[in-house]
C-alpha atoms as a PDB file:
ATOM      1  CA  ALA A   1      -9.506 -48.305 -47.052  1.00  0.00           C
ATOM      2  CA  ALA A   2     -11.011 -45.665 -44.774  1.00  0.00           C
ATOM      3  CA  THR A   3     -14.542 -47.083 -45.037  1.00  0.00           C
ATOM      4  CA  THR A   4     -15.736 -48.095 -41.583  1.00  0.00           C
ATOM      5  CA  LEU A   5     -17.013 -51.593 -40.896  1.00  0.00           C
ATOM      6  CA  GLY A   6     -20.426 -50.105 -40.149  1.00  0.00           C
ATOM      7  CA  GLU A   7     -20.510 -48.446 -43.573  1.00  0.00           C
ATOM      8  CA  PHE A   8     -19.343 -51.712 -45.120  1.00  0.00           C
ATOM      9  CA  SER A   9     -22.167 -53.626 -43.407  1.00  0.00           C
ATOM     10  CA  ARG A  10     -24.705 -51.241 -44.944  1.00  0.00           C
ATOM     11  CA  LEU A  11     -23.088 -51.631 -48.388  1.00  0.00           C
ATOM     12  CA  VAL A  12     -23.221 -55.436 -48.173  1.00  0.00           C
ATOM     13  CA  ALA A  13     -26.881 -55.272 -47.143  1.00  0.00           C
ATOM     14  CA  GLN A  14     -27.602 -53.275 -50.314  1.00  0.00           C
ATOM     15  CA  HIS A  15     -25.565 -55.629 -52.551  1.00  0.00           C
ATOM     16  CA  PRO A  16     -25.758 -59.130 -51.007  1.00  0.00           C
ATOM     17  CA  ALA A  17     -24.760 -60.916 -54.236  1.00  0.00           C
ATOM     18  CA  ILE A  18     -21.259 -59.413 -54.221  1.00  0.00           C
ATOM     19  CA  ALA A  19     -18.962 -61.850 -52.420  1.00  0.00           C
ATOM     20  CA  THR A  20     -15.643 -60.004 -52.563  1.00  0.00           C
ATOM     21  CA  TYR A  21     -14.920 -56.299 -52.272  1.00  0.00           C
ATOM     22  CA  ILE A  22     -11.652 -54.720 -53.389  1.00  0.00           C
ATOM     23  CA  VAL A  23     -10.148 -52.324 -50.840  1.00  0.00           C
ATOM     24  CA  GLN A  24      -8.393 -49.312 -52.326  1.00  0.00           C
ATOM     25  CA  ASP A  25      -5.967 -46.817 -50.864  1.00  0.00           C
ATOM     26  CA  GLY A  26      -6.307 -44.086 -53.450  1.00  0.00           C
ATOM     27  CA  GLN A  27      -5.918 -46.012 -56.721  1.00  0.00           C
ATOM     28  CA  ARG A  28      -3.596 -48.596 -55.135  1.00  0.00           C
ATOM     29  CA  ILE A  29      -5.023 -52.037 -54.424  1.00  0.00           C
ATOM     30  CA  ALA A  30      -4.777 -52.429 -50.638  1.00  0.00           C
ATOM     31  CA  GLY A  31      -6.411 -55.857 -50.410  1.00  0.00           C
ATOM     32  CA  PHE A  32      -9.841 -57.415 -50.379  1.00  0.00           C
ATOM     33  CA  VAL A  33     -12.635 -58.128 -47.932  1.00  0.00           C
ATOM     34  CA  ARG A  34     -15.275 -60.833 -48.222  1.00  0.00           C
ATOM     35  CA  ASN A  35     -18.901 -59.916 -47.621  1.00  0.00           C
ATOM     36  CA  THR A  36     -18.911 -62.146 -44.522  1.00  0.00           C
ATOM     37  CA  ALA A  37     -16.822 -59.482 -42.764  1.00  0.00           C
ATOM     38  CA  ALA A  38     -20.069 -57.502 -42.528  1.00  0.00           C
ATOM     39  CA  LEU A  39     -21.330 -60.136 -40.088  1.00  0.00           C
ATOM     40  CA  ARG A  40     -18.867 -59.082 -37.394  1.00  0.00           C
ATOM     41  CA  PRO A  41     -20.384 -58.079 -34.067  1.00  0.00           C
ATOM     42  CA  VAL A  42     -21.320 -54.417 -33.715  1.00  0.00           C
ATOM     43  CA  SER A  43     -18.504 -53.906 -31.206  1.00  0.00           C
ATOM     44  CA  ASP A  44     -16.023 -54.571 -34.018  1.00  0.00           C
ATOM     45  CA  THR A  45     -17.315 -51.744 -36.219  1.00  0.00           C
ATOM     46  CA  ALA A  46     -14.830 -49.181 -34.907  1.00  0.00           C
ATOM     47  CA  GLY A  47     -12.194 -50.251 -37.452  1.00  0.00           C
ATOM     48  CA  THR A  48     -11.907 -49.684 -41.182  1.00  0.00           C
ATOM     49  CA  LEU A  49     -11.720 -51.967 -44.190  1.00  0.00           C
ATOM     50  CA  GLY A  50      -8.039 -51.124 -44.438  1.00  0.00           C
ATOM     51  CA  ASP A  51      -7.566 -52.618 -40.962  1.00  0.00           C
ATOM     52  CA  ILE A  52      -9.109 -55.962 -41.888  1.00  0.00           C
ATOM     53  CA  ALA A  53      -8.265 -56.211 -45.599  1.00  0.00           C
ATOM     54  CA  GLU A  54      -6.838 -59.562 -46.660  1.00  0.00           C
ATOM     55  CA  ARG A  55      -3.624 -59.173 -48.603  1.00  0.00           C
ATOM     56  CA  ARG A  56      -3.238 -62.699 -49.928  1.00  0.00           C
ATOM     57  CA  PHE A  57      -4.055 -62.009 -53.557  1.00  0.00           C
ATOM     58  CA  ILE A  58      -2.250 -62.120 -56.877  1.00  0.00           C
ATOM     59  CA  THR A  59      -2.752 -60.198 -60.088  1.00  0.00           C
ATOM     60  CA  ILE A  60      -2.876 -61.993 -63.408  1.00  0.00           C
ATOM     61  CA  GLY A  61      -3.521 -60.931 -66.982  1.00  0.00           C
ATOM     62  CA  ALA A  62      -6.820 -61.631 -68.691  1.00  0.00           C
ATOM     63  CA  GLU A  63      -5.047 -63.900 -71.191  1.00  0.00           C
ATOM     64  CA  ALA A  64      -3.680 -66.244 -68.501  1.00  0.00           C
ATOM     65  CA  SER A  65      -4.469 -69.940 -68.773  1.00  0.00           C
ATOM     66  CA  LEU A  66      -6.198 -71.934 -66.062  1.00  0.00           C
ATOM     67  CA  TYR A  67      -2.864 -73.591 -65.328  1.00  0.00           C
ATOM     68  CA  ASP A  68      -1.169 -70.176 -64.935  1.00  0.00           C
ATOM     69  CA  VAL A  69      -3.818 -69.051 -62.447  1.00  0.00           C
ATOM     70  CA  VAL A  70      -3.549 -72.269 -60.407  1.00  0.00           C
ATOM     71  CA  GLU A  71       0.246 -72.134 -60.369  1.00  0.00           C
ATOM     72  CA  LYS A  72       0.496 -68.461 -59.428  1.00  0.00           C
ATOM     73  CA  MET A  73      -2.203 -68.661 -56.723  1.00  0.00           C
ATOM     74  CA  HIS A  74      -0.560 -71.714 -55.181  1.00  0.00           C
ATOM     75  CA  ALA A  75       2.931 -70.185 -55.282  1.00  0.00           C
ATOM     76  CA  GLY A  76       1.668 -66.955 -53.713  1.00  0.00           C
ATOM     77  CA  GLY A  77      -0.598 -68.572 -51.128  1.00  0.00           C
ATOM     78  CA  ALA A  78      -3.379 -66.430 -52.580  1.00  0.00           C
ATOM     79  CA  GLU A  79      -7.057 -66.584 -51.722  1.00  0.00           C
ATOM     80  CA  ILE A  80      -8.085 -64.705 -54.862  1.00  0.00           C
ATOM     81  CA  ALA A  81      -6.672 -63.713 -58.239  1.00  0.00           C
ATOM     82  CA  LEU A  82      -7.411 -60.250 -59.561  1.00  0.00           C
ATOM     83  CA  VAL A  83      -7.720 -60.336 -63.350  1.00  0.00           C
ATOM     84  CA  ILE A  84      -6.189 -57.137 -64.673  1.00  0.00           C
ATOM     85  CA  GLU A  85      -5.781 -55.289 -67.950  1.00  0.00           C
ATOM     86  CA  GLY A  86      -4.131 -52.050 -68.827  1.00  0.00           C
ATOM     87  CA  PRO A  87      -0.824 -50.260 -68.586  1.00  0.00           C
ATOM     88  CA  ASP A  88      -0.737 -49.977 -64.779  1.00  0.00           C
ATOM     89  CA  PRO A  89      -1.816 -53.296 -63.236  1.00  0.00           C
ATOM     90  CA  ALA A  90      -1.222 -52.108 -59.671  1.00  0.00           C
ATOM     91  CA  THR A  91      -4.318 -49.903 -59.701  1.00  0.00           C
ATOM     92  CA  ALA A  92      -7.889 -50.767 -58.849  1.00  0.00           C
ATOM     93  CA  SER A  93      -9.122 -49.379 -62.178  1.00  0.00           C
ATOM     94  CA  ALA A  94      -7.163 -52.140 -63.980  1.00  0.00           C
ATOM     95  CA  ILE A  95      -9.228 -54.913 -62.330  1.00  0.00           C
ATOM     96  CA  LYS A  96     -11.540 -56.686 -64.765  1.00  0.00           C
ATOM     97  CA  GLY A  97     -12.549 -59.610 -62.573  1.00  0.00           C
ATOM     98  CA  VAL A  98     -11.933 -61.694 -59.467  1.00  0.00           C
ATOM     99  CA  ILE A  99     -11.289 -65.445 -59.287  1.00  0.00           C
ATOM    100  CA  SER A 100     -11.727 -67.127 -55.910  1.00  0.00           C
ATOM    101  CA  ARG A 101     -10.229 -70.445 -54.827  1.00  0.00           C
ATOM    102  CA  SER A 102     -13.662 -72.086 -54.974  1.00  0.00           C
ATOM    103  CA  GLN A 103     -14.249 -70.823 -58.520  1.00  0.00           C
ATOM    104  CA  LEU A 104     -10.815 -72.087 -59.462  1.00  0.00           C
ATOM    105  CA  ALA A 105     -11.557 -75.518 -57.994  1.00  0.00           C
ATOM    106  CA  ASP A 106     -14.826 -75.687 -59.958  1.00  0.00           C
ATOM    107  CA  ALA A 107     -12.988 -74.785 -63.177  1.00  0.00           C
ATOM    108  CA  VAL A 108     -10.359 -77.477 -62.587  1.00  0.00           C
ATOM    109  CA  VAL A 109     -13.073 -80.108 -62.010  1.00  0.00           C
ATOM    110  CA  GLU A 110     -14.911 -79.031 -65.160  1.00  0.00           C
ATOM    111  CA  ALA A 111     -11.670 -79.163 -67.168  1.00  0.00           C
ATOM    112  CA  ALA A 112     -10.922 -82.656 -65.836  1.00  0.00           C
ATOM    113  CA  ASP A 113     -14.421 -83.798 -66.821  1.00  0.00           C
ATOM    114  CA  LEU A 114     -13.626 -82.934 -70.448  1.00  0.00           C
ATOM    115  CA  PHE A 115     -10.972 -85.643 -70.512  1.00  0.00           C
ATOM    116  CA  ARG A 116     -12.938 -88.442 -68.824  1.00  0.00           C
ATOM    117  CA  ASP A 117     -14.597 -89.737 -71.986  1.00  0.00           C
END
């Protein structure tokens, strides 16, 4: 969470394929930041990732169904779902994956296509 926006911009430049970064405060999940945050004007680089981290996320187990993910994201107004495993799901080390709204929409369309025949 203490990473500056300038440091984040350099990280995104090194790893442009990563769309979403998890922001940690110690081991606690503090939120997430999309790689587009690195495009902020230089004058905005005085802050930290903790200052701009989005907190609209949910956690869900790896065994969750597509329906469970859709329902929980909608109910929580979430932008992403963090797929977690392990005894302490509130920690960053428990994250096994990230599902965005756009990925979720693609999965729903693909699932609907299965039943069109």
